[in-house]
PDB file of N, CA and C in Angstrom:
ATOM      1  N   MET A   1       0.181 -10.966 -49.426  1.00  0.00           N
ATOM      2  CA  MET A   1      -0.906 -10.581 -48.792  1.00  0.00           C
ATOM      3  C   MET A   1      -1.205 -10.906 -47.475  1.00  0.00           C
ATOM      4  N   ASP A   2      -1.640  -9.914 -46.837  1.00  0.00           N
ATOM      5  CA  ASP A   2      -1.949 -10.467 -45.019  1.00  0.00           C
ATOM      6  C   ASP A   2      -3.272 -10.730 -44.835  1.00  0.00           C
ATOM      7  N   THR A   3      -3.462 -12.008 -44.225  1.00  0.00           N
ATOM      8  CA  THR A   3      -4.549 -12.121 -43.927  1.00  0.00           C
ATOM      9  C   THR A   3      -4.864 -12.227 -42.069  1.00  0.00           C
ATOM     10  N   ASP A   4      -6.435 -12.216 -41.531  1.00  0.00           N
ATOM     11  CA  ASP A   4      -6.373 -12.635 -40.420  1.00  0.00           C
ATOM     12  C   ASP A   4      -6.207 -13.856 -40.021  1.00  0.00           C
ATOM     13  N   GLY A   5      -6.421 -14.902 -40.844  1.00  0.00           N
ATOM     14  CA  GLY A   5      -6.590 -16.235 -40.276  1.00  0.00           C
ATOM     15  C   GLY A   5      -4.826 -16.942 -40.522  1.00  0.00           C
ATOM     16  N   PHE A   6      -4.537 -18.090 -40.105  1.00  0.00           N
ATOM     17  CA  PHE A   6      -3.486 -18.662 -39.534  1.00  0.00           C
ATOM     18  C   PHE A   6      -3.021 -18.997 -41.024  1.00  0.00           C
ATOM     19  N   THR A   7      -1.763 -18.928 -41.171  1.00  0.00           N
ATOM     20  CA  THR A   7      -1.043 -19.468 -42.450  1.00  0.00           C
ATOM     21  C   THR A   7      -0.484 -20.919 -42.079  1.00  0.00           C
ATOM     22  N   LEU A   8      -0.173 -22.009 -43.095  1.00  0.00           N
ATOM     23  CA  LEU A   8       0.117 -23.177 -42.869  1.00  0.00           C
ATOM     24  C   LEU A   8       1.816 -22.799 -41.765  1.00  0.00           C
ATOM     25  N   PHE A   9       2.334 -21.899 -42.299  1.00  0.00           N
ATOM     26  CA  PHE A   9       3.692 -21.877 -41.533  1.00  0.00           C
ATOM     27  C   PHE A   9       3.346 -21.543 -39.904  1.00  0.00           C
ATOM     28  N   ASP A  10       2.116 -20.312 -39.667  1.00  0.00           N
ATOM     29  CA  ASP A  10       1.846 -20.474 -38.435  1.00  0.00           C
ATOM     30  C   ASP A  10       1.456 -21.571 -37.446  1.00  0.00           C
ATOM     31  N   LEU A  11       0.419 -22.557 -38.447  1.00  0.00           N
ATOM     32  CA  LEU A  11       0.093 -23.690 -37.658  1.00  0.00           C
ATOM     33  C   LEU A  11       1.031 -24.686 -37.369  1.00  0.00           C
ATOM     34  N   LEU A  12       2.216 -24.603 -38.408  1.00  0.00           N
ATOM     35  CA  LEU A  12       3.342 -25.898 -37.892  1.00  0.00           C
ATOM     36  C   LEU A  12       4.328 -25.258 -36.645  1.00  0.00           C
ATOM     37  N   MET A  13       4.244 -24.060 -36.828  1.00  0.00           N
ATOM     38  CA  MET A  13       5.294 -23.464 -35.746  1.00  0.00           C
ATOM     39  C   MET A  13       4.379 -23.698 -34.414  1.00  0.00           C
ATOM     40  N   ARG A  14       3.290 -23.323 -34.188  1.00  0.00           N
ATOM     41  CA  ARG A  14       2.375 -23.789 -32.888  1.00  0.00           C
ATOM     42  C   ARG A  14       2.423 -25.233 -32.626  1.00  0.00           C
ATOM     43  N   VAL A  15       2.428 -26.376 -33.641  1.00  0.00           N
ATOM     44  CA  VAL A  15       2.389 -27.359 -33.375  1.00  0.00           C
ATOM     45  C   VAL A  15       3.584 -27.923 -32.999  1.00  0.00           C
ATOM     46  N   ALA A  16       4.643 -27.467 -33.675  1.00  0.00           N
ATOM     47  CA  ALA A  16       6.145 -28.006 -33.264  1.00  0.00           C
ATOM     48  C   ALA A  16       6.445 -27.295 -31.620  1.00  0.00           C
ATOM     49  N   LEU A  17       5.827 -25.841 -31.359  1.00  0.00           N
ATOM     50  CA  LEU A  17       6.077 -25.518 -30.090  1.00  0.00           C
ATOM     51  C   LEU A  17       5.271 -26.195 -28.975  1.00  0.00           C
ATOM     52  N   LEU A  18       4.047 -26.778 -29.391  1.00  0.00           N
ATOM     53  CA  LEU A  18       3.184 -27.495 -28.396  1.00  0.00           C
ATOM     54  C   LEU A  18       4.213 -28.806 -28.435  1.00  0.00           C
ATOM     55  N   PHE A  19       4.397 -29.623 -29.578  1.00  0.00           N
ATOM     56  CA  PHE A  19       5.236 -30.615 -29.306  1.00  0.00           C
ATOM     57  C   PHE A  19       6.564 -30.704 -28.504  1.00  0.00           C
ATOM     58  N   THR A  20       7.196 -29.727 -28.576  1.00  0.00           N
ATOM     59  CA  THR A  20       8.419 -29.319 -27.975  1.00  0.00           C
ATOM     60  C   THR A  20       8.267 -29.578 -26.287  1.00  0.00           C
ATOM     61  N   LEU A  21       7.127 -28.431 -25.836  1.00  0.00           N
ATOM     62  CA  LEU A  21       6.880 -28.319 -24.594  1.00  0.00           C
ATOM     63  C   LEU A  21       6.524 -29.473 -24.128  1.00  0.00           C
ATOM     64  N   VAL A  22       5.600 -30.463 -24.543  1.00  0.00           N
ATOM     65  CA  VAL A  22       5.048 -31.783 -24.131  1.00  0.00           C
ATOM     66  C   VAL A  22       6.384 -32.788 -24.147  1.00  0.00           C
ATOM     67  N   VAL A  23       7.109 -33.073 -25.061  1.00  0.00           N
ATOM     68  CA  VAL A  23       8.082 -33.703 -24.913  1.00  0.00           C
ATOM     69  C   VAL A  23       9.193 -33.265 -23.506  1.00  0.00           C
ATOM     70  N   THR A  24       9.115 -31.764 -23.489  1.00  0.00           N
ATOM     71  CA  THR A  24      10.293 -31.273 -22.404  1.00  0.00           C
ATOM     72  C   THR A  24       9.694 -31.629 -21.084  1.00  0.00           C
ATOM     73  N   CYS A  25       8.380 -31.080 -20.884  1.00  0.00           N
ATOM     74  CA  CYS A  25       7.825 -31.792 -19.521  1.00  0.00           C
ATOM     75  C   CYS A  25       7.499 -33.291 -19.059  1.00  0.00           C
ATOM     76  N   LEU A  26       7.550 -34.302 -20.250  1.00  0.00           N
ATOM     77  CA  LEU A  26       7.843 -35.661 -20.102  1.00  0.00           C
ATOM     78  C   LEU A  26       9.232 -35.925 -19.589  1.00  0.00           C
ATOM     79  N   TRP A  27       9.907 -35.336 -20.203  1.00  0.00           N
ATOM     80  CA  TRP A  27      11.449 -35.336 -20.064  1.00  0.00           C
ATOM     81  C   TRP A  27      11.990 -35.389 -18.575  1.00  0.00           C
ATOM     82  N   CYS A  28      11.128 -33.949 -18.310  1.00  0.00           N
ATOM     83  CA  CYS A  28      11.561 -33.591 -16.984  1.00  0.00           C
ATOM     84  C   CYS A  28      10.820 -34.626 -15.822  1.00  0.00           C
ATOM     85  N   LEU A  29       9.875 -35.200 -16.109  1.00  0.00           N
ATOM     86  CA  LEU A  29       8.889 -35.960 -15.308  1.00  0.00           C
ATOM     87  C   LEU A  29       9.810 -37.406 -14.714  1.00  0.00           C
ATOM     88  N   VAL A  30      10.144 -37.627 -16.230  1.00  0.00           N
ATOM     89  CA  VAL A  30      11.014 -39.015 -15.969  1.00  0.00           C
ATOM     90  C   VAL A  30      12.386 -38.610 -15.452  1.00  0.00           C
ATOM     91  N   ARG A  31      12.938 -37.714 -15.663  1.00  0.00           N
ATOM     92  CA  ARG A  31      14.325 -37.584 -14.817  1.00  0.00           C
ATOM     93  C   ARG A  31      14.015 -37.101 -13.373  1.00  0.00           C
ATOM     94  N   ILE A  32      13.004 -36.820 -12.930  1.00  0.00           N
ATOM     95  CA  ILE A  32      12.462 -36.640 -11.829  1.00  0.00           C
ATOM     96  C   ILE A  32      12.338 -37.950 -10.962  1.00  0.00           C
ATOM     97  N   VAL A  33      11.569 -38.841 -11.914  1.00  0.00           N
ATOM     98  CA  VAL A  33      11.226 -40.102 -11.470  1.00  0.00           C
ATOM     99  C   VAL A  33      12.643 -40.965 -11.130  1.00  0.00           C
ATOM    100  N   ARG A  34      13.383 -40.973 -12.001  1.00  0.00           N
ATOM    101  CA  ARG A  34      14.634 -41.451 -11.983  1.00  0.00           C
ATOM    102  C   ARG A  34      15.499 -40.752 -10.858  1.00  0.00           C
ATOM    103  N   TRP A  35      15.411 -39.661 -10.421  1.00  0.00           N
ATOM    104  CA  TRP A  35      16.281 -39.360  -9.276  1.00  0.00           C
ATOM    105  C   TRP A  35      15.789 -39.609  -7.992  1.00  0.00           C
ATOM    106  N   ALA A  36      14.210 -39.647  -8.309  1.00  0.00           N
ATOM    107  CA  ALA A  36      13.797 -40.072  -6.555  1.00  0.00           C
ATOM    108  C   ALA A  36      13.797 -41.495  -6.472  1.00  0.00           C
ATOM    109  N   LYS A  37      13.815 -42.418  -7.637  1.00  0.00           N
ATOM    110  CA  LYS A  37      14.137 -43.825  -7.099  1.00  0.00           C
ATOM    111  C   LYS A  37      15.529 -44.210  -6.991  1.00  0.00           C
ATOM    112  N   GLY A  38      16.471 -43.305  -7.020  1.00  0.00           N
ATOM    113  CA  GLY A  38      17.716 -43.413  -6.641  1.00  0.00           C
ATOM    114  C   GLY A  38      18.136 -42.981  -5.505  1.00  0.00           C
ATOM    115  N   MET A  39      17.424 -42.239  -4.801  1.00  0.00           N
ATOM    116  CA  MET A  39      17.664 -41.551  -3.481  1.00  0.00           C
ATOM    117  C   MET A  39      16.092 -42.053  -2.778  1.00  0.00           C
ATOM    118  N   PRO A  40      16.053 -42.641  -1.970  1.00  0.00           N
ATOM    119  CA  PRO A  40      15.087 -42.841  -0.813  1.00  0.00           C
ATOM    120  C   PRO A  40      14.352 -41.807  -0.163  1.00  0.00           C
ATOM    121  N   LYS A  41      15.297 -40.725   0.391  1.00  0.00           N
ATOM    122  CA  LYS A  41      14.963 -39.567   0.789  1.00  0.00           C
ATOM    123  C   LYS A  41      14.463 -38.501  -0.245  1.00  0.00           C
ATOM    124  N   ALA A  42      14.667 -38.617  -1.368  1.00  0.00           N
ATOM    125  CA  ALA A  42      14.086 -38.070  -2.590  1.00  0.00           C
ATOM    126  C   ALA A  42      12.740 -38.387  -2.977  1.00  0.00           C
ATOM    127  N   ALA A  43      12.754 -39.577  -2.795  1.00  0.00           N
ATOM    128  CA  ALA A  43      11.438 -40.059  -3.298  1.00  0.00           C
ATOM    129  C   ALA A  43      10.473 -39.568  -2.346  1.00  0.00           C
ATOM    130  N   TYR A  44      10.584 -39.349  -0.901  1.00  0.00           N
ATOM    131  CA  TYR A  44       9.786 -38.602   0.126  1.00  0.00           C
ATOM    132  C   TYR A  44       9.340 -37.099  -0.102  1.00  0.00           C
ATOM    133  N   LEU A  45      10.286 -36.586  -0.542  1.00  0.00           N
ATOM    134  CA  LEU A  45      10.440 -35.406  -0.759  1.00  0.00           C
ATOM    135  C   LEU A  45       9.376 -34.912  -2.248  1.00  0.00           C
ATOM    136  N   VAL A  46       9.716 -35.537  -3.193  1.00  0.00           N
ATOM    137  CA  VAL A  46       8.641 -35.618  -4.101  1.00  0.00           C
ATOM    138  C   VAL A  46       7.206 -36.058  -3.863  1.00  0.00           C
ATOM    139  N   MET A  47       6.996 -36.881  -3.299  1.00  0.00           N
ATOM    140  CA  MET A  47       5.697 -37.553  -2.597  1.00  0.00           C
ATOM    141  C   MET A  47       5.280 -36.415  -1.785  1.00  0.00           C
ATOM    142  N   ALA A  48       5.771 -35.609  -0.949  1.00  0.00           N
ATOM    143  CA  ALA A  48       5.722 -34.420  -0.344  1.00  0.00           C
ATOM    144  C   ALA A  48       5.073 -33.104  -0.914  1.00  0.00           C
ATOM    145  N   ILE A  49       5.708 -33.052  -2.187  1.00  0.00           N
ATOM    146  CA  ILE A  49       5.763 -31.824  -2.883  1.00  0.00           C
ATOM    147  C   ILE A  49       4.322 -31.967  -3.906  1.00  0.00           C
ATOM    148  N   PHE A  50       4.168 -32.994  -4.744  1.00  0.00           N
ATOM    149  CA  PHE A  50       2.988 -33.097  -5.555  1.00  0.00           C
ATOM    150  C   PHE A  50       1.905 -32.981  -5.061  1.00  0.00           C
ATOM    151  N   PRO A  51       1.306 -33.548  -3.832  1.00  0.00           N
ATOM    152  CA  PRO A  51       0.024 -33.144  -3.234  1.00  0.00           C
ATOM    153  C   PRO A  51      -0.248 -31.643  -3.060  1.00  0.00           C
ATOM    154  N   LEU A  52       0.350 -31.038  -3.020  1.00  0.00           N
ATOM    155  CA  LEU A  52       0.618 -29.108  -2.730  1.00  0.00           C
ATOM    156  C   LEU A  52      -0.083 -28.897  -4.060  1.00  0.00           C
ATOM    157  N   LEU A  53       0.067 -29.327  -4.959  1.00  0.00           N
ATOM    158  CA  LEU A  53      -0.515 -28.872  -6.161  1.00  0.00           C
ATOM    159  C   LEU A  53      -2.268 -28.827  -6.149  1.00  0.00           C
ATOM    160  N   SER A  54      -2.787 -29.912  -5.648  1.00  0.00           N
ATOM    161  CA  SER A  54      -4.276 -29.586  -4.732  1.00  0.00           C
ATOM    162  C   SER A  54      -4.978 -28.466  -4.609  1.00  0.00           C
ATOM    163  N   LEU A  55      -3.728 -27.969  -3.802  1.00  0.00           N
ATOM    164  CA  LEU A  55      -4.349 -26.692  -2.904  1.00  0.00           C
ATOM    165  C   LEU A  55      -5.162 -25.710  -4.009  1.00  0.00           C
ATOM    166  N   PHE A  56      -4.284 -25.634  -4.943  1.00  0.00           N
ATOM    167  CA  PHE A  56      -4.898 -24.657  -5.928  1.00  0.00           C
ATOM    168  C   PHE A  56      -6.100 -25.087  -6.621  1.00  0.00           C
ATOM    169  N   PRO A  57      -7.175 -25.115  -6.558  1.00  0.00           N
ATOM    170  CA  PRO A  57      -8.314 -25.585  -6.961  1.00  0.00           C
ATOM    171  C   PRO A  57      -8.595 -25.063  -8.178  1.00  0.00           C
ATOM    172  N   ILE A  58      -8.962 -25.935  -9.541  1.00  0.00           N
ATOM    173  CA  ILE A  58      -9.463 -25.376 -10.850  1.00  0.00           C
ATOM    174  C   ILE A  58     -10.710 -24.682 -10.694  1.00  0.00           C
ATOM    175  N   PRO A  59     -10.855 -23.651 -11.035  1.00  0.00           N
ATOM    176  CA  PRO A  59     -12.116 -22.937 -11.405  1.00  0.00           C
ATOM    177  C   PRO A  59     -12.800 -23.786 -12.189  1.00  0.00           C
ATOM    178  N   PRO A  60     -14.680 -23.599 -11.948  1.00  0.00           N
ATOM    179  CA  PRO A  60     -15.217 -24.307 -12.862  1.00  0.00           C
ATOM    180  C   PRO A  60     -15.110 -23.391 -14.085  1.00  0.00           C
ATOM    181  N   PRO A  61     -15.638 -23.905 -15.182  1.00  0.00           N
ATOM    182  CA  PRO A  61     -15.669 -23.119 -16.420  1.00  0.00           C
ATOM    183  C   PRO A  61     -16.854 -21.918 -16.167  1.00  0.00           C
ATOM    184  N   VAL A  62     -16.336 -21.026 -16.940  1.00  0.00           N
ATOM    185  CA  VAL A  62     -17.407 -19.767 -16.991  1.00  0.00           C
ATOM    186  C   VAL A  62     -18.469 -19.846 -17.706  1.00  0.00           C
ATOM    187  N   PHE A  63     -18.485 -20.706 -19.030  1.00  0.00           N
ATOM    188  CA  PHE A  63     -19.430 -20.580 -19.566  1.00  0.00           C
ATOM    189  C   PHE A  63     -20.819 -21.368 -19.084  1.00  0.00           C
ATOM    190  N   LYS A  64     -20.622 -22.417 -17.985  1.00  0.00           N
ATOM    191  CA  LYS A  64     -21.751 -23.128 -17.564  1.00  0.00           C
ATOM    192  C   LYS A  64     -22.416 -22.410 -16.743  1.00  0.00           C
ATOM    193  N   ASN A  65     -21.524 -21.450 -15.751  1.00  0.00           N
ATOM    194  CA  ASN A  65     -22.206 -20.424 -14.759  1.00  0.00           C
ATOM    195  C   ASN A  65     -23.263 -19.319 -15.800  1.00  0.00           C
ATOM    196  N   VAL A  66     -22.471 -19.154 -17.014  1.00  0.00           N
ATOM    197  CA  VAL A  66     -23.344 -18.253 -17.780  1.00  0.00           C
ATOM    198  C   VAL A  66     -24.603 -18.409 -18.369  1.00  0.00           C
ATOM    199  N   ALA A  67     -24.399 -20.276 -18.494  1.00  0.00           N
ATOM    200  CA  ALA A  67     -25.821 -20.643 -19.237  1.00  0.00           C
ATOM    201  C   ALA A  67     -27.021 -20.959 -17.946  1.00  0.00           C
ATOM    202  N   LYS A  68     -26.152 -21.221 -16.493  1.00  0.00           N
ATOM    203  CA  LYS A  68     -27.319 -21.176 -15.873  1.00  0.00           C
ATOM    204  C   LYS A  68     -28.039 -20.127 -15.301  1.00  0.00           C
ATOM    205  N   ALA A  69     -26.977 -19.124 -15.539  1.00  0.00           N
ATOM    206  CA  ALA A  69     -27.740 -17.796 -15.151  1.00  0.00           C
ATOM    207  C   ALA A  69     -28.620 -17.366 -16.141  1.00  0.00           C
ATOM    208  N   LYS A  70     -28.740 -17.670 -17.515  1.00  0.00           N
ATOM    209  CA  LYS A  70     -29.768 -17.339 -18.316  1.00  0.00           C
ATOM    210  C   LYS A  70     -30.947 -18.065 -18.205  1.00  0.00           C
ATOM    211  N   GLN A  71     -30.950 -19.417 -17.945  1.00  0.00           N
ATOM    212  CA  GLN A  71     -31.915 -20.360 -17.550  1.00  0.00           C
ATOM    213  C   GLN A  71     -32.486 -19.783 -16.521  1.00  0.00           C
ATOM    214  N   GLU A  72     -32.132 -19.161 -15.640  1.00  0.00           N
ATOM    215  CA  GLU A  72     -32.770 -18.724 -14.345  1.00  0.00           C
ATOM    216  C   GLU A  72     -33.461 -17.452 -14.226  1.00  0.00           C
ATOM    217  N   GLN A  73     -32.877 -16.796 -15.342  1.00  0.00           N
ATOM    218  CA  GLN A  73     -33.074 -15.445 -15.823  1.00  0.00           C
ATOM    219  C   GLN A  73     -34.887 -15.860 -16.916  1.00  0.00           C
ATOM    220  N   ARG A  74     -34.739 -16.631 -17.542  1.00  0.00           N
ATOM    221  CA  ARG A  74     -35.755 -17.206 -18.410  1.00  0.00           C
ATOM    222  C   ARG A  74     -36.788 -17.009 -17.382  1.00  0.00           C
ATOM    223  N   LYS A  75     -36.533 -18.244 -16.391  1.00  0.00           N
ATOM    224  CA  LYS A  75     -37.633 -18.509 -15.441  1.00  0.00           C
ATOM    225  C   LYS A  75     -38.233 -17.719 -14.667  1.00  0.00           C
ATOM    226  N   ARG A  76     -37.507 -16.520 -14.253  1.00  0.00           N
ATOM    227  CA  ARG A  76     -37.970 -15.452 -13.526  1.00  0.00           C
ATOM    228  C   ARG A  76     -38.822 -14.579 -14.425  1.00  0.00           C
ATOM    229  N   LYS A  77     -38.417 -14.228 -15.533  1.00  0.00           N
ATOM    230  CA  LYS A  77     -39.354 -13.635 -16.511  1.00  0.00           C
ATOM    231  C   LYS A  77     -40.712 -14.423 -16.805  1.00  0.00           C
ATOM    232  N   GLU A  78     -40.900 -15.913 -17.122  1.00  0.00           N
ATOM    233  CA  GLU A  78     -41.969 -16.603 -17.208  1.00  0.00           C
ATOM    234  C   GLU A  78     -42.747 -16.647 -15.699  1.00  0.00           C
ATOM    235  N   ASP A  79     -42.191 -16.538 -14.722  1.00  0.00           N
ATOM    236  CA  ASP A  79     -42.990 -16.448 -13.589  1.00  0.00           C
ATOM    237  C   ASP A  79     -43.626 -15.045 -13.257  1.00  0.00           C
ATOM    238  N   GLN A  80     -42.887 -14.057 -13.655  1.00  0.00           N
ATOM    239  CA  GLN A  80     -43.511 -12.776 -13.194  1.00  0.00           C
ATOM    240  C   GLN A  80     -44.653 -12.218 -14.430  1.00  0.00           C
ATOM    241  N   GLY A  81     -44.712 -12.933 -15.377  1.00  0.00           N
ATOM    242  CA  GLY A  81     -45.749 -12.771 -16.624  1.00  0.00           C
ATOM    243  C   GLY A  81     -47.244 -12.835 -15.925  1.00  0.00           C
ATOM    244  N   ASP A  82     -48.304 -11.991 -16.324  1.00  0.00           N
ATOM    245  CA  ASP A  82     -49.493 -12.293 -16.118  1.00  0.00           C
ATOM    246  C   ASP A  82     -50.025 -13.477 -15.873  1.00  0.00           C
ATOM    247  N   PRO A  83     -51.007 -13.982 -15.156  1.00  0.00           N
ATOM    248  CA  PRO A  83     -51.969 -15.129 -15.332  1.00  0.00           C
ATOM    249  C   PRO A  83     -52.648 -14.939 -16.623  1.00  0.00           C
ATOM    250  N   PRO A  84     -52.946 -15.798 -17.549  1.00  0.00           N
ATOM    251  CA  PRO A  84     -53.804 -15.831 -18.600  1.00  0.00           C
ATOM    252  C   PRO A  84     -55.757 -15.667 -17.883  1.00  0.00           C
ATOM    253  N   ASP A  85     -56.341 -14.672 -18.228  1.00  0.00           N
ATOM    254  CA  ASP A  85     -57.573 -14.352 -18.014  1.00  0.00           C
ATOM    255  C   ASP A  85     -58.360 -15.598 -18.930  1.00  0.00           C
ATOM    256  N   CYS A  86     -59.232 -16.339 -17.975  1.00  0.00           N
ATOM    257  CA  CYS A  86     -60.226 -17.466 -18.625  1.00  0.00           C
ATOM    258  C   CYS A  86     -61.446 -17.104 -18.275  1.00  0.00           C
TER     259      CYS A  86
END
């Protein structure tokens, strides 16, 4: 039977892939630090490269912008309404 949901096997495969990626990234970072500690010039090179990551700003989440736009739209509708006759 084919279902639209995830099977246990799919879930386990995704967890294993995520775990493998995290362990690989950590291993690479440890190797870079060891390499940089062994060579003073390499340490300066690593220190010069890592700040370049901040050149690519992380965009704000879209859902906050959408919620803000909805609130502004509601306020505009309330402001455009006719004043009550007294």
